[in-house]
Amino acid sequence: MFSGKAGAQFKSDAFSQNYNDTGQNDTVSKPLFSLKEYFRGINHKDEELRIGTMFAGSMVFIGGEQIYHKQYWKLPIIYGGIGATVGMGFKYKNEGNTKMSTIMFAGAGLIYWGSLMDGVVNYKKGEYPQPGKATIYSLLLPGLGQVYNREYWKVPLYWGCLLGSYHFFKLNNTNYIKYKNIYIEASDPESGYEGPISAETALYYRNTYRRYRDYSILAMAVSYLLQAIDANVFAYMQNFEVSDDLSMRITPTVIAPDTQFAAANTSGIGLRVGVTF
């Protein structure tokens, strides 16, 4: 309070907090993703493979999660299922059967999604709740992270936002296509267009509905990301202690120069404020 430098108010420890610190220095310094860590994990040379690294690597190297969990019997099912459905999809596509081709490709995507979900479900490292697990659950299936956190009441909210955004996307996209076609036809003097909507009016509505359609896409993306962030944050806060004690304590104190900002051998007399909430 009375020190000559504002930096004396801060201890150096305040600038070195790490919320992912597990007590192991190597864990704190690990990068967000490392191929070396991933391959060491699936080769069972590193049994503490992080769930985020395992998931991200297995998105490219399909079946990596099952190898890490030593569930090798699942690999033929995954590879065989994806290979068979993709092959049948191209077969139907060459035959001109678009419907069956789409179904086969969708089946391949579902098997791929299932292999990722299976790996996350079988990840047993750490105690409940695991923020990484909650986050990946939400990325794979919106709302599942909230179910994992046992916050079931949030699921209808997020699904309502997602479905509502999708509804308006479809509505606005339909109108956008409608007025785009009218504008193209009304702008062509050789089309013989005699409709009640002029080219200028059609252009205005085309641009308006296109803008609303883009807003709907943005709303879907924001809702999807928000529910994943929510799952991560509230998984971290499961063990956060909350009491009914709301109080503030103010006491005089001497601020020692334990700071990277304060000058050497400089102390300050001030007030210590403690807030309990």
Protein backbone atom coordinates (compact mmCIF):
# COMPACT_ATOMS: atom_id res chain seq x y z
CA MET A 1 0.00 0.00 0.00
CA PHE A 2 2.83 2.41 0.88
CA SER A 3 5.59 0.87 -1.20
CA GLY A 4 7.26 2.90 -3.90
CA LYS A 5 6.50 0.31 -6.59
CA ALA A 6 3.20 -1.34 -7.41
CA GLY A 7 5.09 -4.53 -8.24
CA ALA A 8 5.80 -5.06 -4.53
CA GLN A 9 2.16 -5.99 -4.10
CA PHE A 10 2.72 -9.25 -6.00
CA LYS A 11 4.69 -12.30 -4.99
CA SER A 12 6.56 -14.13 -7.72
CA ASP A 13 4.55 -17.28 -7.02
CA ALA A 14 1.48 -15.57 -8.44
CA PHE A 15 3.08 -15.68 -11.88
CA SER A 16 4.01 -19.37 -11.81
CA GLN A 17 0.70 -21.08 -11.10
CA ASN A 18 -0.02 -24.22 -13.06
CA TYR A 19 -3.50 -25.64 -12.84
CA ASN A 20 -2.46 -28.91 -14.51
CA ASP A 21 0.33 -29.62 -12.06
CA THR A 22 0.07 -33.23 -10.90
CA GLY A 23 3.19 -33.12 -8.80
CA GLN A 24 5.41 -34.40 -11.59
CA ASN A 25 7.63 -31.86 -13.31
CA ASP A 26 7.65 -33.77 -16.59
CA THR A 27 3.86 -33.59 -16.73
CA VAL A 28 3.86 -29.80 -16.36
CA SER A 29 6.34 -29.26 -19.17
CA LYS A 30 4.73 -31.61 -21.69
CA PRO A 31 3.49 -30.03 -24.93
CA LEU A 32 -0.17 -30.14 -25.91
CA PHE A 33 0.48 -33.03 -28.32
CA SER A 34 3.58 -35.06 -29.05
CA LEU A 35 3.93 -37.86 -31.59
CA LYS A 36 6.78 -39.26 -29.53
CA GLU A 37 4.57 -39.45 -26.45
CA TYR A 38 1.75 -41.00 -28.49
CA PHE A 39 3.86 -43.77 -30.01
CA ARG A 40 5.57 -44.47 -26.70
CA GLY A 41 2.11 -44.89 -25.22
CA ILE A 42 0.74 -47.32 -27.79
CA ASN A 43 4.03 -49.25 -27.61
CA HIS A 44 3.39 -49.49 -23.84
CA LYS A 45 6.65 -47.75 -23.01
CA ASP A 46 4.72 -44.93 -21.34
CA GLU A 47 1.75 -46.16 -19.32
CA GLU A 48 0.77 -42.59 -18.36
CA LEU A 49 -0.31 -41.55 -21.85
CA ARG A 50 -2.60 -38.54 -21.56
CA ILE A 51 -6.12 -38.99 -22.83
CA GLY A 52 -5.89 -35.94 -25.11
CA THR A 53 -2.73 -37.25 -26.77
CA MET A 54 -4.24 -40.72 -27.12
CA PHE A 55 -7.43 -39.34 -28.68
CA ALA A 56 -5.74 -36.89 -31.06
CA GLY A 57 -3.25 -39.48 -32.31
CA SER A 58 -5.95 -42.10 -32.84
CA MET A 59 -7.95 -39.71 -34.99
CA VAL A 60 -5.20 -40.21 -37.59
CA PHE A 61 -3.81 -43.61 -36.64
CA ILE A 62 -7.08 -45.50 -36.35
CA GLY A 63 -7.08 -48.22 -33.71
CA GLY A 64 -4.33 -46.64 -31.61
CA GLU A 65 -6.61 -46.38 -28.60
CA GLN A 66 -7.41 -50.09 -28.76
CA ILE A 67 -3.71 -50.92 -29.02
CA TYR A 68 -2.98 -48.77 -25.97
CA HIS A 69 -5.70 -50.59 -24.03
CA LYS A 70 -4.36 -53.95 -25.30
CA GLN A 71 -7.73 -54.78 -26.84
CA TYR A 72 -6.24 -56.15 -30.02
CA TRP A 73 -9.28 -58.26 -30.84
CA LYS A 74 -11.18 -55.08 -31.72
CA LEU A 75 -8.77 -54.10 -34.51
CA PRO A 76 -10.12 -56.56 -37.16
CA ILE A 77 -13.65 -55.36 -36.41
CA ILE A 78 -12.68 -51.71 -36.84
CA TYR A 79 -10.49 -52.11 -39.92
CA GLY A 80 -12.77 -54.71 -41.49
CA GLY A 81 -15.88 -52.66 -40.85
CA ILE A 82 -14.42 -49.43 -42.23
CA GLY A 83 -12.85 -51.19 -45.21
CA ALA A 84 -16.03 -53.09 -46.10
CA THR A 85 -18.36 -50.08 -45.85
CA VAL A 86 -16.02 -47.79 -47.79
CA GLY A 87 -15.58 -50.43 -50.49
CA MET A 88 -19.33 -50.97 -50.79
CA GLY A 89 -19.83 -47.23 -50.85
CA PHE A 90 -17.59 -46.84 -53.92
CA LYS A 91 -19.25 -49.86 -55.51
CA TYR A 92 -22.73 -48.37 -55.17
CA LYS A 93 -21.43 -45.00 -56.29
CA ASN A 94 -20.06 -46.48 -59.51
CA GLU A 95 -23.43 -48.17 -60.07
CA GLY A 96 -25.21 -44.82 -59.67
CA ASN A 97 -26.99 -45.83 -56.45
CA THR A 98 -26.45 -42.61 -54.53
CA LYS A 99 -28.69 -43.54 -51.61
CA MET A 100 -26.92 -46.80 -50.77
CA SER A 101 -23.53 -45.19 -51.37
CA THR A 102 -24.34 -42.48 -48.84
CA ILE A 103 -25.53 -45.09 -46.32
CA MET A 104 -22.29 -47.08 -46.68
CA PHE A 105 -20.07 -44.02 -46.26
CA ALA A 106 -22.12 -42.93 -43.26
CA GLY A 107 -21.64 -46.42 -41.80
CA ALA A 108 -17.88 -46.12 -42.20
CA GLY A 109 -17.98 -42.78 -40.39
CA LEU A 110 -20.06 -44.30 -37.61
CA ILE A 111 -17.57 -47.14 -37.11
CA TYR A 112 -14.71 -44.61 -37.03
CA TRP A 113 -16.61 -42.52 -34.47
CA GLY A 114 -17.36 -45.62 -32.43
CA SER A 115 -13.69 -46.61 -32.33
CA LEU A 116 -12.78 -43.20 -30.89
CA MET A 117 -15.61 -43.30 -28.35
CA ASP A 118 -14.64 -46.85 -27.32
CA GLY A 119 -11.08 -45.77 -26.61
CA VAL A 120 -12.19 -42.85 -24.44
CA VAL A 121 -14.67 -44.98 -22.48
CA ASN A 122 -11.98 -47.55 -21.71
CA TYR A 123 -9.46 -44.94 -20.54
CA LYS A 124 -9.21 -45.54 -16.78
CA LYS A 125 -6.24 -43.36 -15.76
CA GLY A 126 -6.83 -40.92 -12.93
CA GLU A 127 -9.77 -40.43 -10.61
CA TYR A 128 -13.25 -39.17 -11.39
CA PRO A 129 -13.86 -36.63 -12.75
CA GLN A 130 -11.30 -36.31 -15.54
CA PRO A 131 -11.59 -32.97 -17.35
CA GLY A 132 -9.97 -34.40 -20.48
CA LYS A 133 -12.48 -37.22 -20.61
CA ALA A 134 -15.42 -34.87 -20.10
CA THR A 135 -14.16 -32.60 -22.89
CA ILE A 136 -13.68 -35.41 -25.41
CA TYR A 137 -17.08 -36.86 -24.56
CA SER A 138 -18.61 -33.50 -25.44
CA LEU A 139 -16.61 -33.26 -28.66
CA LEU A 140 -17.76 -36.71 -29.76
CA LEU A 141 -21.39 -36.29 -28.67
CA PRO A 142 -22.70 -32.91 -27.49
CA GLY A 143 -24.11 -33.15 -23.98
CA LEU A 144 -22.31 -36.36 -23.08
CA GLY A 145 -19.72 -34.40 -21.10
CA GLN A 146 -22.50 -32.91 -19.00
CA VAL A 147 -23.90 -36.41 -18.42
CA TYR A 148 -20.41 -37.52 -17.34
CA ASN A 149 -20.29 -34.59 -14.91
CA ARG A 150 -23.80 -35.57 -13.69
CA GLU A 151 -25.21 -32.20 -14.70
CA TYR A 152 -28.10 -33.69 -16.63
CA TRP A 153 -30.21 -30.54 -16.58
CA LYS A 154 -27.77 -28.85 -18.97
CA VAL A 155 -28.26 -31.39 -21.76
CA PRO A 156 -31.69 -30.07 -22.93
CA LEU A 157 -30.31 -26.52 -22.91
CA TYR A 158 -27.39 -27.26 -25.20
CA TRP A 159 -29.38 -29.57 -27.45
CA GLY A 160 -32.06 -26.89 -27.66
CA CYS A 161 -29.44 -24.37 -28.80
CA LEU A 162 -27.99 -26.79 -31.34
CA LEU A 163 -31.33 -27.93 -32.77
CA GLY A 164 -32.70 -24.40 -32.78
CA SER A 165 -29.65 -23.14 -34.65
CA TYR A 166 -29.95 -26.00 -37.14
CA HIS A 167 -33.65 -25.25 -37.67
CA PHE A 168 -32.94 -21.63 -38.52
CA PHE A 169 -30.03 -22.70 -40.72
CA LYS A 170 -32.34 -24.90 -42.80
CA LEU A 171 -35.04 -22.23 -42.95
CA ASN A 172 -32.67 -19.44 -43.95
CA ASN A 173 -30.80 -21.63 -46.41
CA THR A 174 -34.07 -22.63 -48.11
CA ASN A 175 -35.09 -18.98 -48.48
CA TYR A 176 -31.60 -18.02 -49.63
CA ILE A 177 -31.71 -20.60 -52.43
CA LYS A 178 -35.25 -19.52 -53.33
CA TYR A 179 -34.39 -15.84 -53.74
CA LYS A 180 -31.09 -16.60 -55.40
CA ASN A 181 -32.89 -18.51 -58.12
CA ILE A 182 -35.47 -15.74 -58.47
CA TYR A 183 -32.70 -13.16 -58.78
CA ILE A 184 -30.89 -15.19 -61.44
CA GLU A 185 -34.08 -15.65 -63.41
CA ALA A 186 -35.26 -12.04 -63.01
CA SER A 187 -31.84 -10.70 -64.05
CA ASP A 188 -31.84 -12.66 -67.30
CA PRO A 189 -33.79 -10.74 -69.97
CA GLU A 190 -34.09 -13.88 -72.06
CA SER A 191 -35.70 -15.97 -69.30
CA GLY A 192 -39.15 -14.51 -69.82
CA TYR A 193 -39.58 -14.01 -66.06
CA GLU A 194 -42.87 -12.32 -65.15
CA GLY A 195 -42.99 -12.92 -61.40
CA PRO A 196 -44.14 -10.36 -58.82
CA ILE A 197 -40.67 -10.03 -57.25
CA SER A 198 -38.20 -7.72 -58.96
CA ALA A 199 -34.50 -8.50 -59.35
CA GLU A 200 -33.60 -5.78 -56.86
CA THR A 201 -36.00 -7.13 -54.25
CA ALA A 202 -34.81 -10.69 -54.82
CA LEU A 203 -31.20 -9.53 -54.44
CA TYR A 204 -32.01 -7.86 -51.12
CA TYR A 205 -33.71 -10.94 -49.70
CA ARG A 206 -31.01 -13.23 -51.07
CA ASN A 207 -28.31 -11.30 -49.23
CA THR A 208 -30.43 -11.04 -46.08
CA TYR A 209 -31.15 -14.76 -45.83
CA ARG A 210 -27.57 -15.61 -46.68
CA ARG A 211 -26.43 -13.45 -43.77
CA TYR A 212 -28.99 -15.07 -41.44
CA ARG A 213 -27.88 -18.50 -42.64
CA ASP A 214 -24.28 -17.67 -41.77
CA TYR A 215 -25.37 -16.43 -38.34
CA SER A 216 -27.13 -19.76 -37.80
CA ILE A 217 -23.94 -21.66 -38.65
CA LEU A 218 -22.03 -19.45 -36.22
CA ALA A 219 -24.64 -20.09 -33.51
CA MET A 220 -24.27 -23.87 -34.00
CA ALA A 221 -20.49 -23.64 -33.76
CA VAL A 222 -20.65 -21.46 -30.64
CA SER A 223 -23.16 -23.80 -28.95
CA TYR A 224 -20.99 -26.82 -29.77
CA LEU A 225 -17.81 -25.20 -28.43
CA LEU A 226 -19.57 -23.79 -25.38
CA GLN A 227 -20.85 -27.17 -24.22
CA ALA A 228 -17.35 -28.67 -24.62
CA ILE A 229 -15.82 -25.81 -22.60
CA ASP A 230 -18.57 -26.15 -20.00
CA ALA A 231 -17.83 -29.88 -19.60
CA ASN A 232 -14.13 -29.19 -19.14
CA VAL A 233 -14.52 -26.33 -16.66
CA PHE A 234 -17.10 -28.01 -14.46
CA ALA A 235 -15.14 -31.26 -14.41
CA TYR A 236 -12.25 -29.26 -12.97
CA MET A 237 -14.56 -27.64 -10.44
CA GLN A 238 -16.18 -30.86 -9.18
CA ASN A 239 -13.85 -30.86 -6.18
CA PHE A 240 -13.95 -27.10 -5.69
CA GLU A 241 -14.93 -26.44 -2.07
CA VAL A 242 -17.91 -24.16 -1.66
CA SER A 243 -19.07 -22.99 1.78
CA ASP A 244 -21.61 -20.52 3.10
CA ASP A 245 -18.86 -18.45 4.73
CA LEU A 246 -18.72 -15.08 2.94
CA SER A 247 -16.33 -12.82 4.80
CA MET A 248 -13.47 -10.36 4.32
CA ARG A 249 -10.52 -9.81 6.67
CA ILE A 250 -8.21 -6.77 6.54
CA THR A 251 -4.97 -6.88 8.54
CA PRO A 252 -1.75 -4.79 8.47
CA THR A 253 1.28 -6.51 6.97
CA VAL A 254 4.84 -6.00 5.75
CA ILE A 255 5.27 -6.86 2.08
CA ALA A 256 8.64 -8.56 1.57
CA PRO A 257 10.56 -8.03 -1.70
CA ASP A 258 9.81 -11.57 -2.93
CA THR A 259 8.87 -10.40 -6.38
CA GLN A 260 10.42 -10.07 -9.79
CA PHE A 261 9.20 -6.46 -9.94
CA ALA A 262 10.39 -5.07 -6.65
CA ALA A 263 13.82 -3.51 -6.30
CA ALA A 264 16.38 -5.36 -4.19
CA ASN A 265 16.04 -4.93 -0.41
CA THR A 266 12.81 -3.01 -0.77
CA SER A 267 9.88 -3.67 1.55
CA GLY A 268 6.51 -2.03 1.92
CA ILE A 269 3.97 -1.58 4.69
CA GLY A 270 0.44 -2.27 3.61
CA LEU A 271 -2.81 -4.06 4.24
CA ARG A 272 -3.56 -7.71 3.60
CA VAL A 273 -7.09 -8.40 2.39
CA GLY A 274 -8.42 -11.94 2.72
CA VAL A 275 -11.72 -12.86 1.10
CA THR A 276 -13.54 -16.11 1.85
CA PHE A 277 -16.29 -17.17 -0.55
